[in-house]
Structure formats: C-alpha cells, structure tokens
Protein backbone atom coordinates (compact mmCIF):
# COMPACT_ATOMS: atom_id res chain seq x y z
CA MET A 1 0.00 0.00 0.00
CA GLN A 2 2.89 2.36 0.74
CA ALA A 3 4.27 1.78 -2.77
CA TYR A 4 0.87 2.69 -4.23
CA LEU A 5 0.62 5.73 -1.93
CA ARG A 6 3.99 7.02 -3.13
CA ALA A 7 2.99 6.51 -6.77
CA THR A 8 -0.34 8.37 -6.81
CA VAL A 9 -1.13 12.08 -6.75
CA ASP A 10 -4.91 11.72 -6.40
CA SER A 11 -5.72 13.24 -2.99
CA GLY A 12 -8.77 11.01 -2.43
CA LEU A 13 -6.80 7.88 -3.17
CA ARG A 14 -3.92 9.07 -1.01
CA GLU A 15 -6.25 9.62 1.97
CA GLY A 16 -7.88 6.21 1.57
CA LEU A 17 -4.49 4.52 1.27
CA ARG A 18 -3.21 6.33 4.37
CA GLU A 19 -6.20 5.07 6.34
CA ALA A 20 -5.67 1.51 5.09
CA ILE A 21 -1.95 1.69 5.95
CA ILE A 22 -2.68 2.83 9.50
CA CYS A 23 -5.19 0.00 9.91
CA GLN A 24 -2.73 -2.58 8.58
CA ALA A 25 0.06 -1.29 10.83
CA ARG A 26 -2.19 -1.57 13.89
CA VAL A 27 -3.27 -5.09 12.94
CA CYS A 28 0.31 -6.23 12.31
CA SER A 29 1.56 -4.69 15.55
CA THR A 30 -1.21 -6.33 17.59
CA LEU A 31 -0.63 -9.73 15.99
CA TYR A 32 3.14 -9.38 16.45
CA ARG A 33 2.70 -8.73 20.19
CA HIS A 34 0.17 -11.54 20.54
CA ILE A 35 2.56 -14.02 18.92
CA GLN A 36 5.31 -12.89 21.30
CA GLU A 37 3.00 -13.28 24.30
CA LEU A 38 2.31 -16.85 23.21
CA GLY A 39 6.07 -17.51 23.17
CA GLY A 40 6.46 -17.40 19.40
CA ALA A 41 8.96 -15.58 17.23
CA PRO A 42 6.92 -13.45 14.83
CA SER A 43 8.35 -12.48 11.48
CA SER A 44 8.73 -8.84 10.52
CA GLN A 45 9.03 -9.74 6.84
CA ILE A 46 6.95 -7.48 4.64
CA ALA A 47 4.57 -9.18 2.24
CA PRO A 48 5.53 -8.77 -1.40
CA LEU A 49 3.46 -6.66 -3.74
CA VAL A 50 1.01 -8.42 -5.96
CA GLU A 51 3.04 -9.94 -8.79
CA GLY A 52 3.68 -7.49 -11.60
CA THR A 53 2.46 -4.40 -9.73
CA LEU A 54 5.69 -2.92 -8.39
CA GLY A 55 5.91 -0.33 -11.16
CA LEU A 56 2.24 0.61 -11.29
CA SER A 57 1.81 4.36 -11.42
CA GLU A 58 -1.76 4.62 -12.69
CA PRO A 59 -4.44 4.74 -9.97
CA GLY A 60 -6.83 2.25 -11.62
CA PRO A 61 -4.38 -0.67 -11.77
CA GLN A 62 -3.13 0.28 -8.29
CA MET A 63 -6.65 0.01 -6.84
CA GLU A 64 -7.31 -3.24 -8.69
CA ALA A 65 -4.07 -4.72 -7.30
CA LEU A 66 -4.84 -3.39 -3.80
CA ALA A 67 -8.32 -4.93 -3.94
CA ARG A 68 -6.77 -8.32 -4.81
CA LEU A 69 -4.30 -7.97 -1.92
CA LEU A 70 -7.05 -7.04 0.55
CA ASP A 71 -9.26 -9.88 -0.68
CA GLU A 72 -6.43 -12.36 -0.07
CA SER A 73 -5.77 -10.89 3.37
CA ILE A 74 -9.45 -11.16 4.29
CA GLY A 75 -9.44 -14.84 3.32
CA LEU A 76 -6.44 -15.54 5.53
CA VAL A 77 -7.87 -13.68 8.52
CA GLN A 78 -11.27 -15.35 8.06
CA SER A 79 -9.63 -18.78 8.28
CA LEU A 80 -7.95 -17.72 11.55
CA VAL A 81 -11.23 -16.41 12.97
CA GLU A 82 -12.79 -19.81 12.46
CA SER A 83 -10.05 -21.68 14.31
CA GLU A 84 -8.62 -19.55 17.14
CA GLU A 85 -9.26 -18.73 20.76
CA ASP A 86 -12.00 -16.30 21.85
CA VAL A 87 -9.80 -13.22 22.46
CA LEU A 88 -8.05 -13.54 19.12
CA ARG A 89 -11.32 -14.38 17.37
CA GLU A 90 -12.89 -11.14 18.61
CA PHE A 91 -9.87 -9.09 17.53
CA LEU A 92 -9.73 -10.73 14.11
CA SER A 93 -13.47 -10.26 13.61
CA ASP A 94 -12.95 -6.52 14.11
CA VAL A 95 -10.01 -6.66 11.69
CA LEU A 96 -12.20 -8.35 9.09
CA ALA A 97 -14.78 -5.58 9.32
CA GLU A 98 -12.11 -2.95 8.71
CA GLN A 99 -10.48 -5.00 5.94
CA ARG A 100 -13.82 -5.44 4.19
CA ARG A 101 -14.46 -1.69 4.40
CA HIS A 102 -11.05 -1.00 2.82
CA LEU A 103 -11.68 -3.66 0.16
CA LYS A 104 -15.05 -2.13 -0.74
CA TRP A 105 -13.38 1.29 -1.01
CA ALA A 106 -10.52 -0.04 -3.20
CA GLN A 107 -12.95 -1.91 -5.46
CA GLY A 108 -15.12 1.20 -5.77
CA GLN A 109 -12.09 3.31 -6.67
CA ALA A 110 -10.96 0.73 -9.25
CA LEU A 111 -14.45 0.78 -10.82
CA ARG A 112 -14.56 4.57 -10.75
CA LEU A 113 -11.22 4.58 -12.60
CA GLY A 114 -12.47 2.10 -15.19
CA PHE A 115 -10.87 -1.13 -13.92
C-alpha cells in the first residue's frame, strides 16, 4: 500500500491509502505482540506486492491490485477467525470488518477509474 501511496497524486486515493496503511500497521503490531505473548517468534518480513504491480503508477491498476491484496488478506484472517481462541477471534473479527471496508473502497475506486 505504501508503494501505491507514493505513486499516486490523487488526494482522495492518497487519503484512503493512508487510512488503510494505518489499519494494517495496527493489525500487524497487535498480531506481532500476541505471537510474542504466546512464546512465538513473529516475522517482521513485509509481504511482497502483488506480482507485476511494483511499477504501477496509474491509480486504476493500483486500486485493482490493492483490492486483490485485501481480498487475499481477508481470506487468511477469516480462516484464523474460524479456528482460534476467543480473544483472538474477537480481535480478528474486528479486523475483518475494517479490511472489508477498505476492500469495498478499493474496489469502488478501481471501478470509478475504469478497472
């Protein structure tokens, strides 16, 4: 998302991306701490961009790629919600609601831009 943020000048897209980045950072930080509390060694590796999107500079393809990334993330979180303990399930359910809101926004932007 940060790569897409740096590549776009559209103020509406920039604001939406900033909001999504803040949400993702909060989610990652919370999960990182939770893994540590459980005695695990969480990874700080950053997920790669959707294949072939590193050089995207047009907003439409950026939003389409972001929507695919968010859709994949939602699927992964949903599978965790269905299998984890109550505290984590509640947190991840909240995350899903935010992720779905960001996905709907990204899809709407992609459609608005003709993608």
